[in-house]
Protein backbone atom coordinates (compact mmCIF):
# COMPACT_ATOMS: atom_id res chain seq x y z
CA MET A 1 -0.01 0.00 0.00
CA SER A 2 1.29 3.51 -0.83
CA VAL A 3 2.30 6.03 1.83
CA ARG A 4 -0.81 8.01 0.97
CA ALA A 5 -3.21 5.08 1.22
CA ARG A 6 -1.64 3.45 4.25
CA GLY A 7 -0.72 6.61 6.08
CA LEU A 8 -4.23 8.01 6.20
CA THR A 9 -6.68 5.16 6.08
CA VAL A 10 -6.62 5.28 9.85
CA VAL A 11 -7.45 8.94 9.94
CA ALA A 12 -10.69 8.26 8.08
CA ALA A 13 -11.95 6.30 11.03
CA ALA A 14 -10.54 9.01 13.28
CA GLY A 15 -12.50 11.61 11.37
CA LEU A 16 -15.69 9.66 11.95
CA LEU A 17 -14.94 9.44 15.66
CA VAL A 18 -14.20 13.15 15.83
CA ALA A 19 -17.54 13.86 14.21
CA THR A 20 -19.26 12.15 17.04
CA ALA A 21 -16.99 13.27 19.94
CA CYS A 22 -16.17 16.99 21.09
CA THR A 23 0.20 47.84 9.98
CA GLY A 24 2.51 48.80 8.01
CA GLY A 25 6.10 47.67 7.96
CA PRO A 26 7.17 44.06 7.47
CA SER A 27 4.36 41.56 7.19
CA VAL A 28 3.41 39.80 10.41
CA LEU A 29 3.19 36.65 8.33
CA ASP A 30 6.92 36.85 7.69
CA ALA A 31 7.71 36.32 11.37
CA GLY A 32 10.41 33.63 11.79
CA ASN A 33 -10.57 29.16 18.74
CA ASP A 34 -15.05 21.16 21.64
CA ASP A 35 -17.15 21.94 20.86
CA PRO A 36 -20.10 19.69 20.51
CA SER A 37 -21.78 21.10 17.41
CA ALA A 38 -25.10 19.34 17.08
CA PRO A 39 -27.86 21.81 16.27
CA ALA A 40 -29.90 23.12 19.18
CA THR A 41 -33.14 21.26 19.77
CA GLU A 42 -34.75 23.95 21.88
CA THR A 43 -36.16 27.26 20.71
CA ALA A 44 -35.01 30.18 22.82
CA ALA A 45 -37.65 32.45 24.27
CA PRO A 46 -36.69 35.71 26.00
CA VAL A 47 -37.01 35.55 29.78
CA ASP A 48 -34.26 37.57 31.41
CA SER A 49 -33.64 40.52 29.10
CA ALA A 50 -29.86 40.38 29.00
CA VAL A 51 -29.76 36.60 28.48
CA ALA A 52 -32.57 36.61 26.00
CA ASP A 53 -30.69 39.05 23.83
CA THR A 54 -27.66 36.79 23.55
CA ASP A 55 -28.55 36.27 19.89
CA PRO A 56 -30.37 39.35 18.62
CA THR A 57 -30.39 38.11 15.05
CA ASP A 58 -32.27 34.92 16.01
CA ASP A 59 -34.73 36.42 18.50
CA PRO A 60 -38.16 36.05 16.87
CA THR A 61 -39.40 39.07 18.79
CA ASP A 62 -36.67 41.35 17.43
CA ASP A 63 -37.08 42.69 13.91
CA THR A 64 -33.73 44.50 13.90
CA THR A 65 -31.24 43.09 11.40
CA ALA A 66 -27.52 43.63 11.06
CA GLU A 67 -28.19 45.91 8.11
CA ASP A 68 -30.79 47.97 9.98
CA ALA A 69 -28.83 48.51 13.16
CA PRO A 70 -27.12 51.88 13.65
CA ALA A 71 -23.39 52.09 13.29
CA PRO A 72 -21.56 52.14 16.61
CA GLU A 73 -20.19 55.40 17.90
CA THR A 74 -16.44 55.72 17.92
CA THR A 75 -14.97 55.92 21.41
CA ALA A 76 -11.85 57.84 22.36
CA GLY A 77 -10.36 54.85 24.15
CA PRO A 78 -11.13 52.12 26.64
CA THR A 79 -11.93 52.92 30.20
CA THR A 80 -11.52 49.85 32.37
CA THR A 81 -14.83 48.79 33.88
CA ILE A 82 -14.62 46.96 37.20
CA ALA A 83 -17.88 45.65 38.59
CA ALA A 84 -18.51 45.39 42.34
CA ILE A 85 -18.89 41.71 43.19
CA ASP A 86 -21.12 42.47 46.18
CA GLU A 87 -23.76 43.79 43.80
CA PHE A 88 -24.31 40.24 42.54
CA PRO A 89 -25.82 37.16 44.23
CA PRO A 90 -23.62 35.90 47.07
CA CYS A 91 -22.14 32.43 47.47
CA PRO A 92 -22.99 31.00 50.91
CA VAL A 93 -20.21 28.42 50.93
CA ASP A 94 -20.91 27.32 54.53
CA ALA A 95 -24.56 26.49 53.95
CA LEU A 96 -23.85 22.80 53.48
CA ASP A 97 -22.93 22.52 57.16
CA ALA A 98 -26.57 23.14 58.10
CA ALA A 99 -28.08 20.85 55.48
CA ASP A 100 -30.27 18.00 56.71
CA GLY A 101 -28.84 15.14 54.68
CA PRO A 102 -27.26 15.05 51.21
CA VAL A 103 -28.11 17.99 48.94
CA ALA A 104 -29.19 16.89 45.46
CA ILE A 105 -28.07 19.02 42.52
CA THR A 106 -28.50 18.74 38.75
CA PHE A 107 -25.60 19.31 36.35
CA TRP A 108 -26.38 20.17 32.73
CA HIS A 109 -23.55 19.17 30.39
CA ALA A 110 -22.92 18.70 26.68
CA MET A 111 -20.42 15.85 26.57
CA ALA A 112 -20.98 13.01 24.10
CA ASN A 113 -19.79 9.43 23.64
CA GLU A 114 -16.39 8.79 25.29
CA LEU A 115 -16.43 12.26 26.86
CA GLU A 116 -19.78 11.60 28.50
CA THR A 117 -18.54 8.27 29.80
CA ALA A 118 -15.53 9.99 31.36
CA LEU A 119 -17.75 12.59 32.98
CA ILE A 120 -20.08 9.93 34.38
CA ASP A 121 -17.05 8.22 35.92
CA LEU A 122 -15.94 11.49 37.56
CA VAL A 123 -19.38 12.11 39.00
CA ASN A 124 -19.70 8.55 40.29
CA VAL A 125 -16.39 8.93 42.14
CA TYR A 126 -17.55 12.23 43.67
CA ASN A 127 -20.93 10.81 44.74
CA ALA A 128 -19.35 7.71 46.26
CA ASN A 129 -16.66 9.47 48.23
CA GLN A 130 -18.63 12.02 50.21
CA ASP A 131 -22.13 12.15 51.68
CA ARG A 132 -23.02 15.85 51.57
CA VAL A 133 -23.86 16.28 47.87
CA GLN A 134 -25.34 14.01 45.23
CA VAL A 135 -25.00 15.07 41.59
CA THR A 136 -27.32 14.01 38.79
CA LEU A 137 -26.13 14.50 35.22
CA GLN A 138 -28.46 15.70 32.44
CA ASN A 139 -27.02 15.68 28.91
CA GLN A 140 -28.24 18.63 26.81
CA THR A 141 -26.55 17.11 23.70
CA ALA A 142 -24.80 20.35 22.65
CA TYR A 143 -23.70 23.68 24.06
CA GLU A 144 -26.24 25.53 21.97
CA SER A 145 -29.05 23.33 23.23
CA ALA A 146 -28.01 24.03 26.81
CA ILE A 147 -27.86 27.78 26.10
CA ASP A 148 -31.29 27.83 24.45
CA LYS A 149 -32.89 25.73 27.15
CA TYR A 150 -31.38 27.87 29.91
CA ILE A 151 -32.66 31.06 28.28
CA ALA A 152 -36.13 29.62 27.76
CA GLY A 153 -36.49 28.34 31.32
CA GLY A 154 -37.22 30.05 34.60
CA VAL A 155 -35.30 29.69 37.85
CA GLY A 156 -37.20 26.54 38.83
CA SER A 157 -36.45 24.74 35.58
CA ARG A 158 -32.81 25.70 35.34
CA PRO A 159 -30.02 23.43 36.61
CA ASP A 160 -27.96 23.94 39.73
CA ILE A 161 -24.72 23.96 37.75
CA VAL A 162 -24.24 24.16 33.98
CA GLN A 163 -21.43 23.66 31.47
CA LEU A 164 -21.19 26.54 28.97
CA PRO A 165 -18.69 27.43 26.21
CA GLU A 166 -16.22 30.28 26.08
CA TYR A 167 -18.15 32.41 23.60
CA ILE A 168 -20.99 33.33 25.97
CA VAL A 169 -18.96 35.09 28.67
CA GLN A 170 -20.27 38.64 28.22
CA SER A 171 -23.89 37.77 27.53
CA PHE A 172 -24.28 35.39 30.45
CA ALA A 173 -22.24 37.51 32.86
CA GLN A 174 -24.64 40.39 32.10
CA SER A 175 -27.74 38.27 32.42
CA GLY A 176 -28.17 38.67 36.17
CA THR A 177 -28.96 34.98 36.52
CA PHE A 178 -25.66 33.61 37.87
CA VAL A 179 -23.73 33.60 41.11
CA PRO A 180 -20.25 34.90 40.19
CA MET A 181 -17.71 32.16 40.68
CA GLY A 182 -15.52 34.92 42.11
CA ALA A 183 -17.95 35.27 45.04
CA CYS A 184 -17.44 31.60 45.90
CA ILE A 185 -13.68 31.91 45.46
CA GLU A 186 -13.51 34.91 47.81
CA ALA A 187 -15.91 33.48 50.39
CA ASP A 188 -14.03 30.18 50.61
CA GLY A 189 -10.49 31.52 50.20
CA PHE A 190 -10.06 29.21 47.22
CA ASP A 191 -6.56 29.35 45.73
CA MET A 192 -6.67 30.17 42.01
CA ALA A 193 -2.87 30.43 41.70
CA PRO A 194 -2.44 26.94 40.15
CA VAL A 195 -5.05 27.67 37.47
CA LEU A 196 -3.36 28.65 34.21
CA PRO A 197 -3.70 32.44 33.83
CA ARG A 198 -4.93 32.30 30.22
CA VAL A 199 -7.52 29.76 31.17
CA ALA A 200 -8.82 31.57 34.24
CA ASP A 201 -8.85 34.95 32.45
CA THR A 202 -11.07 33.57 29.71
CA TYR A 203 -14.00 33.67 32.12
CA VAL A 204 -13.33 37.07 33.66
CA PHE A 205 -15.64 39.94 32.67
CA GLU A 206 -15.39 43.44 34.16
CA GLY A 207 -12.95 42.18 36.76
CA ILE A 208 -15.13 39.33 38.03
CA GLN A 209 -14.46 35.61 37.65
CA TRP A 210 -17.83 34.37 36.40
CA ALA A 211 -17.14 30.72 35.73
CA MET A 212 -14.65 27.98 36.57
CA PRO A 213 -12.84 26.44 33.59
CA PHE A 214 -13.36 22.72 33.34
CA ASN A 215 -12.86 21.16 29.91
CA VAL A 216 -10.21 23.16 28.07
CA SER A 217 -9.10 22.58 24.49
CA ALA A 218 -6.92 24.36 21.97
CA PRO A 219 -6.21 24.07 18.23
CA VAL A 220 -3.28 21.81 17.33
CA TYR A 221 -1.62 20.65 14.11
CA TYR A 222 -2.33 17.05 13.08
CA TYR A 223 0.04 15.56 10.52
CA ASN A 224 0.93 12.30 8.83
CA ARG A 225 4.40 11.29 9.94
CA GLN A 226 4.81 8.85 7.06
CA MET A 227 4.18 11.62 4.54
CA PHE A 228 6.66 13.88 6.32
CA GLU A 229 9.33 11.18 6.08
CA ALA A 230 8.51 10.48 2.42
CA ALA A 231 8.92 14.19 1.67
CA GLY A 232 12.32 14.30 3.40
CA LEU A 233 10.95 16.29 6.35
CA ASP A 234 11.87 15.65 9.94
CA PRO A 235 8.70 14.16 11.51
CA GLU A 236 9.80 15.50 14.90
CA THR A 237 9.77 19.11 13.62
CA THR A 238 6.50 20.78 12.73
CA PRO A 239 5.78 24.20 11.23
CA ILE A 240 5.47 26.96 13.83
CA SER A 241 5.00 30.16 11.78
CA LEU A 242 2.74 30.57 8.78
CA ASP A 243 5.80 30.84 6.58
CA ASP A 244 6.91 27.49 7.99
CA LEU A 245 3.54 26.03 7.10
CA ARG A 246 3.87 27.29 3.54
CA SER A 247 7.38 25.87 3.06
CA THR A 248 6.43 22.54 4.68
CA SER A 249 3.38 22.27 2.44
CA GLN A 250 5.49 23.12 -0.60
CA GLN A 251 7.91 20.31 0.14
CA LEU A 252 5.11 17.82 0.77
CA VAL A 253 3.50 18.66 -2.56
CA ASP A 254 6.70 18.97 -4.62
CA SER A 255 7.96 15.62 -3.36
CA GLY A 256 4.77 13.85 -4.32
CA ALA A 257 4.25 12.64 -0.76
CA ALA A 258 0.87 14.39 -0.63
CA SER A 259 -1.43 16.18 -3.03
CA TYR A 260 -1.89 19.02 -0.56
CA GLY A 261 0.17 20.17 2.36
CA ILE A 262 -2.86 20.89 4.56
CA ALA A 263 -6.63 20.57 4.56
CA LEU A 264 -8.37 23.75 5.72
CA ASP A 265 -11.98 24.71 6.36
CA SER A 266 -14.17 27.77 6.85
CA GLY A 267 -16.16 26.53 9.83
CA ARG A 268 -17.51 28.85 12.50
CA ASP A 269 -16.05 26.66 15.23
CA SER A 270 -12.76 26.07 13.42
CA GLY A 271 -11.01 27.65 10.43
CA GLY A 272 -13.49 30.41 9.71
CA GLY A 273 -14.24 31.62 13.21
CA TRP A 274 -12.23 30.23 16.12
CA PHE A 275 -8.90 29.90 14.31
CA PHE A 276 -9.19 33.39 12.80
CA GLU A 277 -9.50 34.82 16.33
CA GLN A 278 -6.61 32.61 17.45
CA TRP A 279 -4.28 34.15 14.90
CA PHE A 280 -5.05 37.67 16.12
CA GLY A 281 -4.19 36.58 19.66
CA ARG A 282 -1.05 34.83 18.42
CA ALA A 283 0.07 38.10 16.76
CA GLY A 284 -0.73 40.07 19.92
CA GLU A 285 -3.36 42.14 18.16
CA LEU A 286 -6.89 42.91 19.27
CA PHE A 287 -9.87 41.43 17.51
CA ALA A 288 -12.21 44.10 18.93
CA ASP A 289 -11.82 47.44 20.65
CA ASN A 290 -11.76 48.15 24.38
CA GLY A 291 -9.27 45.35 24.91
CA ASN A 292 -11.27 42.70 23.09
CA GLY A 293 -14.22 43.77 25.22
CA ARG A 294 -12.30 42.92 28.39
CA LEU A 295 -11.53 46.47 29.54
CA ALA A 296 -15.01 47.73 28.73
CA PRO A 297 -17.82 46.53 26.47
CA ALA A 298 -16.62 46.52 22.86
CA THR A 299 -18.20 48.87 20.33
CA GLN A 300 -16.55 47.57 17.15
CA VAL A 301 -14.39 44.81 15.71
CA LEU A 302 -10.88 45.47 14.47
CA PHE A 303 -10.29 42.41 12.30
CA ASP A 304 -10.56 44.37 9.02
CA ASN A 305 -7.08 45.78 9.63
CA ASP A 306 -3.74 45.01 7.98
CA LEU A 307 -3.36 41.75 9.88
CA GLY A 308 -6.79 40.57 8.83
CA VAL A 309 -6.00 41.33 5.19
CA GLU A 310 -2.66 39.51 5.46
CA LEU A 311 -4.25 36.44 7.04
CA LEU A 312 -7.00 36.04 4.47
CA THR A 313 -4.59 36.79 1.62
CA TYR A 314 -2.34 34.05 2.98
CA LEU A 315 -5.21 31.55 3.05
CA GLN A 316 -6.28 32.54 -0.45
CA ASP A 317 -2.75 32.15 -1.78
CA MET A 318 -2.32 28.75 -0.10
CA THR A 319 -5.40 27.33 -1.79
CA SER A 320 -4.97 29.04 -5.17
CA SER A 321 -1.37 27.76 -5.40
CA GLY A 322 -2.50 24.19 -4.65
CA LEU A 323 -0.59 23.96 -1.37
CA ALA A 324 -3.83 23.70 0.60
CA ILE A 325 -7.34 22.46 -0.02
CA THR A 326 -10.52 23.69 1.63
CA VAL A 327 -13.28 21.25 2.55
CA GLY A 328 -15.96 23.89 3.18
CA ASP A 329 -17.54 24.62 6.54
CA ASN A 330 -16.70 21.22 8.07
CA SER A 331 -19.70 21.49 10.36
CA GLY A 332 -19.30 17.93 11.64
CA GLY A 333 -15.62 18.36 12.38
CA GLN A 334 -14.60 15.34 10.31
CA ASP A 335 -14.13 16.61 6.75
CA THR A 336 -10.55 17.78 7.09
CA PHE A 337 -9.61 14.40 8.59
CA LEU A 338 -11.42 12.62 5.79
CA LYS A 339 -9.46 14.68 3.27
CA MET A 340 -6.31 13.34 4.89
CA ILE A 341 -7.33 9.82 3.77
CA ASP A 342 -8.60 10.72 0.31
CA GLY A 343 -6.95 7.96 -1.73
CA ALA A 344 -6.88 10.09 -4.88
CA ALA A 345 -5.67 13.44 -3.54
CA PRO A 346 -4.87 13.42 0.18
CA ALA A 347 -3.70 16.28 2.37
CA ALA A 348 -0.82 15.63 4.76
CA SER A 349 -2.11 17.66 7.69
CA THR A 350 -4.86 19.73 9.21
CA ILE A 351 -5.58 21.98 12.17
CA ALA A 352 -8.26 20.84 14.64
CA THR A 353 -9.19 20.88 18.28
CA SER A 354 -6.99 19.04 20.76
CA ALA A 355 -10.17 17.47 22.13
CA ALA A 356 -10.06 15.11 19.11
CA ILE A 357 -6.65 13.61 19.94
CA SER A 358 -7.98 10.68 21.89
CA SER A 359 -10.48 9.79 19.17
CA VAL A 360 -7.80 9.93 16.46
CA ILE A 361 -5.36 7.81 18.45
CA ALA A 362 -8.14 5.37 19.38
CA ALA A 363 -8.89 4.89 15.68
CA LEU A 364 -5.22 4.23 14.99
CA GLY A 365 -5.14 1.64 17.72
CA SER A 366 -8.24 -0.15 16.47
CA GLY A 367 -6.35 -1.85 13.65
CA VAL A 368 -8.45 -0.37 10.85
CA ALA A 369 -5.30 0.14 8.74
CA PRO A 370 -2.92 -2.84 8.68
CA GLY A 371 0.70 -1.79 9.03
CA LEU A 372 -0.04 1.38 10.89
CA THR A 373 0.33 2.04 14.59
CA THR A 374 -0.78 4.77 16.92
CA ASP A 375 2.52 6.53 16.25
CA ASP A 376 1.64 7.43 12.66
CA ILE A 377 -0.24 10.63 13.44
CA GLY A 378 1.84 13.44 14.88
CA ILE A 379 0.64 16.41 16.88
CA GLY A 380 2.33 19.82 16.81
CA PRO A 381 1.50 23.34 17.92
CA MET A 382 -0.93 25.33 15.83
CA PRO A 383 1.03 27.30 13.18
CA GLY A 384 0.43 31.03 13.39
CA PRO A 385 1.74 34.54 12.75
CA SER A 386 4.63 34.40 15.24
CA ASP A 387 7.53 32.16 16.23
CA VAL A 388 6.13 31.45 19.70
CA PRO A 389 3.41 28.79 19.95
CA ALA A 390 0.49 30.19 21.96
CA VAL A 391 -3.27 29.94 21.76
CA GLN A 392 -6.43 31.32 23.31
CA PRO A 393 -8.14 28.69 25.48
CA GLY A 394 -11.25 27.04 24.06
CA GLY A 395 -13.65 24.54 25.50
CA ALA A 396 -16.06 25.23 28.33
CA SER A 397 -16.52 26.03 32.00
CA VAL A 398 -19.04 25.52 34.78
CA TRP A 399 -21.41 28.25 35.97
CA ILE A 400 -23.63 28.37 39.06
CA PRO A 401 -27.18 29.71 38.41
CA ALA A 402 -28.62 32.15 40.93
CA GLY A 403 -31.99 31.92 42.64
CA LYS A 404 -31.41 28.55 44.27
CA SER A 405 -31.38 27.79 47.98
CA ASP A 406 -28.23 28.49 49.95
CA GLU A 407 -27.66 24.77 50.39
CA VAL A 408 -27.91 24.10 46.67
CA THR A 409 -25.57 26.95 45.79
CA ALA A 410 -23.06 25.70 48.38
CA ALA A 411 -23.40 22.17 46.98
CA ALA A 412 -22.74 23.42 43.43
CA TRP A 413 -19.62 25.17 44.68
CA ASP A 414 -18.44 22.03 46.48
CA PHE A 415 -18.84 20.04 43.26
CA THR A 416 -17.09 22.77 41.28
CA GLN A 417 -14.06 22.49 43.56
CA TYR A 418 -13.99 18.76 42.88
CA LEU A 419 -14.12 19.28 39.11
CA VAL A 420 -11.15 21.65 39.23
CA ASP A 421 -9.17 19.66 41.81
CA ALA A 422 -5.70 18.72 40.65
CA GLN A 423 -6.29 14.97 40.79
CA THR A 424 -9.66 15.26 39.08
CA GLN A 425 -8.12 17.36 36.32
CA SER A 426 -5.28 14.88 35.89
CA THR A 427 -7.72 12.01 35.49
CA TRP A 428 -10.10 13.95 33.24
CA ALA A 429 -7.31 15.13 30.94
CA ALA A 430 -5.73 11.69 30.61
CA THR A 431 -9.09 10.10 29.81
CA THR A 432 -10.40 12.68 27.37
CA GLY A 433 -7.52 14.57 25.77
CA TYR A 434 -8.70 17.85 27.27
CA VAL A 435 -6.07 20.15 28.78
CA PRO A 436 -5.63 20.28 32.58
CA VAL A 437 -6.73 23.71 33.75
CA ARG A 438 -4.11 23.87 36.49
CA SER A 439 -0.35 23.47 36.55
CA ASP A 440 -0.13 21.13 39.54
CA ALA A 441 -2.37 18.58 37.81
CA VAL A 442 0.40 17.72 35.32
CA GLU A 443 2.56 16.55 38.21
CA LEU A 444 0.06 13.84 39.13
CA ASP A 445 -0.66 10.51 37.46
CA PRO A 446 -2.30 9.54 35.22
CA ILE A 447 -1.67 12.71 33.16
CA ALA A 448 1.96 12.98 34.27
CA ASP A 449 2.59 9.46 33.03
CA LEU A 450 0.69 10.08 29.78
CA TYR A 451 2.57 13.29 29.03
CA GLU A 452 5.84 11.43 29.61
CA SER A 453 4.95 8.38 27.52
CA ASP A 454 3.06 10.23 24.78
CA PRO A 455 4.11 13.90 24.43
CA ARG A 456 1.48 14.48 21.78
CA TYR A 457 -1.06 15.00 24.52
CA ARG A 458 1.04 17.73 26.12
CA VAL A 459 1.26 19.96 23.03
CA ALA A 460 -2.04 21.74 23.65
CA TYR A 461 -1.16 22.29 27.33
CA ASP A 462 2.23 23.83 26.50
CA GLN A 463 0.59 26.29 24.10
CA LEU A 464 -1.40 27.71 27.03
CA LEU A 465 1.62 28.36 29.24
CA PRO A 466 2.97 31.65 27.81
CA THR A 467 1.83 34.41 30.14
CA VAL A 468 0.98 37.67 28.40
CA ASP A 469 -0.49 40.59 30.31
CA ASP A 470 -2.62 41.58 27.35
CA PRO A 471 -6.31 40.98 26.54
CA SER A 472 -5.34 39.51 23.17
CA ALA A 473 -4.21 36.39 25.03
CA VAL A 474 -7.81 35.29 25.60
CA VAL A 475 -10.92 34.97 23.49
CA PRO A 476 -12.80 38.25 22.86
CA ALA A 477 -15.63 38.96 25.30
CA LEU A 478 -18.33 39.99 22.85
CA GLY A 479 -22.04 39.58 23.49
CA PRO A 480 -22.81 38.38 19.95
CA LEU A 481 -19.49 36.51 19.50
CA ARG A 482 -21.23 33.40 18.19
CA GLN A 483 -22.88 35.44 15.41
CA ILE A 484 -19.67 37.34 14.70
CA ARG A 485 -17.90 34.02 14.18
CA ALA A 486 -20.53 33.24 11.58
CA GLN A 487 -19.64 36.50 9.81
CA THR A 488 -15.92 35.72 9.75
CA ALA A 489 -16.65 32.15 8.65
CA ASP A 490 -18.56 33.53 5.66
CA ALA A 491 -15.66 35.88 4.99
CA VAL A 492 -13.14 33.01 4.96
CA ALA A 493 -15.41 30.96 2.65
CA ALA A 494 -15.68 33.94 0.27
CA THR A 495 -11.90 34.29 0.39
CA TYR A 496 -11.42 30.70 -0.68
CA ALA A 497 -13.87 31.37 -3.50
CA GLY A 498 -11.53 34.04 -4.85
CA GLY A 499 -13.22 37.18 -3.61
CA ASN A 500 -11.60 40.55 -2.92
CA VAL A 501 -10.13 40.22 0.55
CA GLU A 502 -10.38 43.89 1.54
CA GLN A 503 -14.04 44.10 0.56
CA ILE A 504 -14.86 40.77 2.17
CA LEU A 505 -13.39 41.91 5.48
CA ALA A 506 -15.05 45.34 5.30
CA ASP A 507 -18.44 43.70 4.79
CA ALA A 508 -17.89 41.22 7.62
CA ALA A 509 -16.75 44.00 9.95
CA ALA A 510 -19.78 46.16 9.12
CA ALA A 511 -22.17 43.28 9.83
CA SER A 512 -20.33 42.43 13.05
CA ASN A 513 -20.40 46.04 14.22
CA ALA A 514 -24.13 46.13 13.64
CA LEU A 515 -24.50 43.00 15.76
CA ILE A 516 -22.50 44.63 18.53
CA ALA A 517 -24.54 47.84 18.30
CA THR A 518 -27.78 45.88 18.58
CA TYR A 519 -26.51 43.91 21.55
CA ASN A 520 -25.22 47.01 23.34
CA SER A 521 -28.50 48.85 22.82
CA GLN A 522 -30.39 46.02 24.51
CA ASN A 523 -28.04 45.50 27.46
């Protein structure tokens, strides 16, 4: 069997598993974003005004469109907004002491398949090893389903703790329906020092820690080691900068080892949305004003700048030159992996979430491709517009809804501490491929042993270590971020279709600014 056929037959099965899992001056490009994605099954109905306006373009009661909304006013500069935590619901951490028997709480999550199994195991251990709290899991099938159901429900129908993605920070923090995690942290004297700064800061809005990170992922570079070797490339060395990616792809194609150097996509949760934001963070540039919405609510996006033009021009050049191939929106998360096993014209690599690593390696170990082992897929840092691998944390966190009894809130906080405990994070990361949210977890088995025996799992973690005191290091806090990602995804798709990059970005920015203006006017 040829290198192409043998080297990527396994990744086909991996792709199927992934689909079911979780300026001016020199160019920046010359320097030396688990999302369960099943469509929501609930229809959102406005209840709490700020939460209900999370998606103004989809609210059936709102006739305002992106085109109709007024253009945002230009501000002179950001003024840091710090909210007073005592203005929000408190966290009575000692209330469990007065509880008459175990306190039952419900946890809404969005984990599927192997990830759900791992979460069930964690909860079973928690329930069996203490007698103060009993947790019941309820799978909402997808983040969007959980968001819609939460918005549509009242206090009585909402869970006691809920898993939510990184793109809802501003809208849910402003909803008035949550106990700030910072209130629990302060009341209990909980030590956040071991939590990776980039990860913790992802869920800070107006100076308040609103959620506790739990399942963290990051984009990584998946590549076929056999194809690298056939092309005369060192399979231990992966491209770091975008120029590196171009030259690596050129050698893969010129050598005949692969038809394309990399398979790309224009998906909202990947190449068209999340990865586009990632590259701005990697370059140390802001995606939106007012510190990416972290210093004060954003009024406009900034991605239609020189860096944005350079990034889209780069992607357009990669595909038009035949060094890369786009598979479209890749909504199921599997199409770039499937392109890697296309027997007629395979790609040698792709960029995807680190949450897929376990599924890919499991497929390799299943024996679906004779002659291949689990060592045939390599993992490297996400290539980007700098020489230093670094990413914005993705994934999700846990939030504590307000309006519950003191005992229930205290129980939710107790369970939260378990989820973020170093040993729990070590076990969770080793089982799922997610990144431990705290540095001391990597010193404990089983993740310490896994990182030592299979360094591929550590790549995503290492990308989160660089500490940068700059809001570009974390995902933008924008109320309509989900809808803005749809705008940039459309822009990337239009770029691959050969459109004018400057105009494409200008149009996407105008639509995004209208979304922000609508959101700001309603909150």
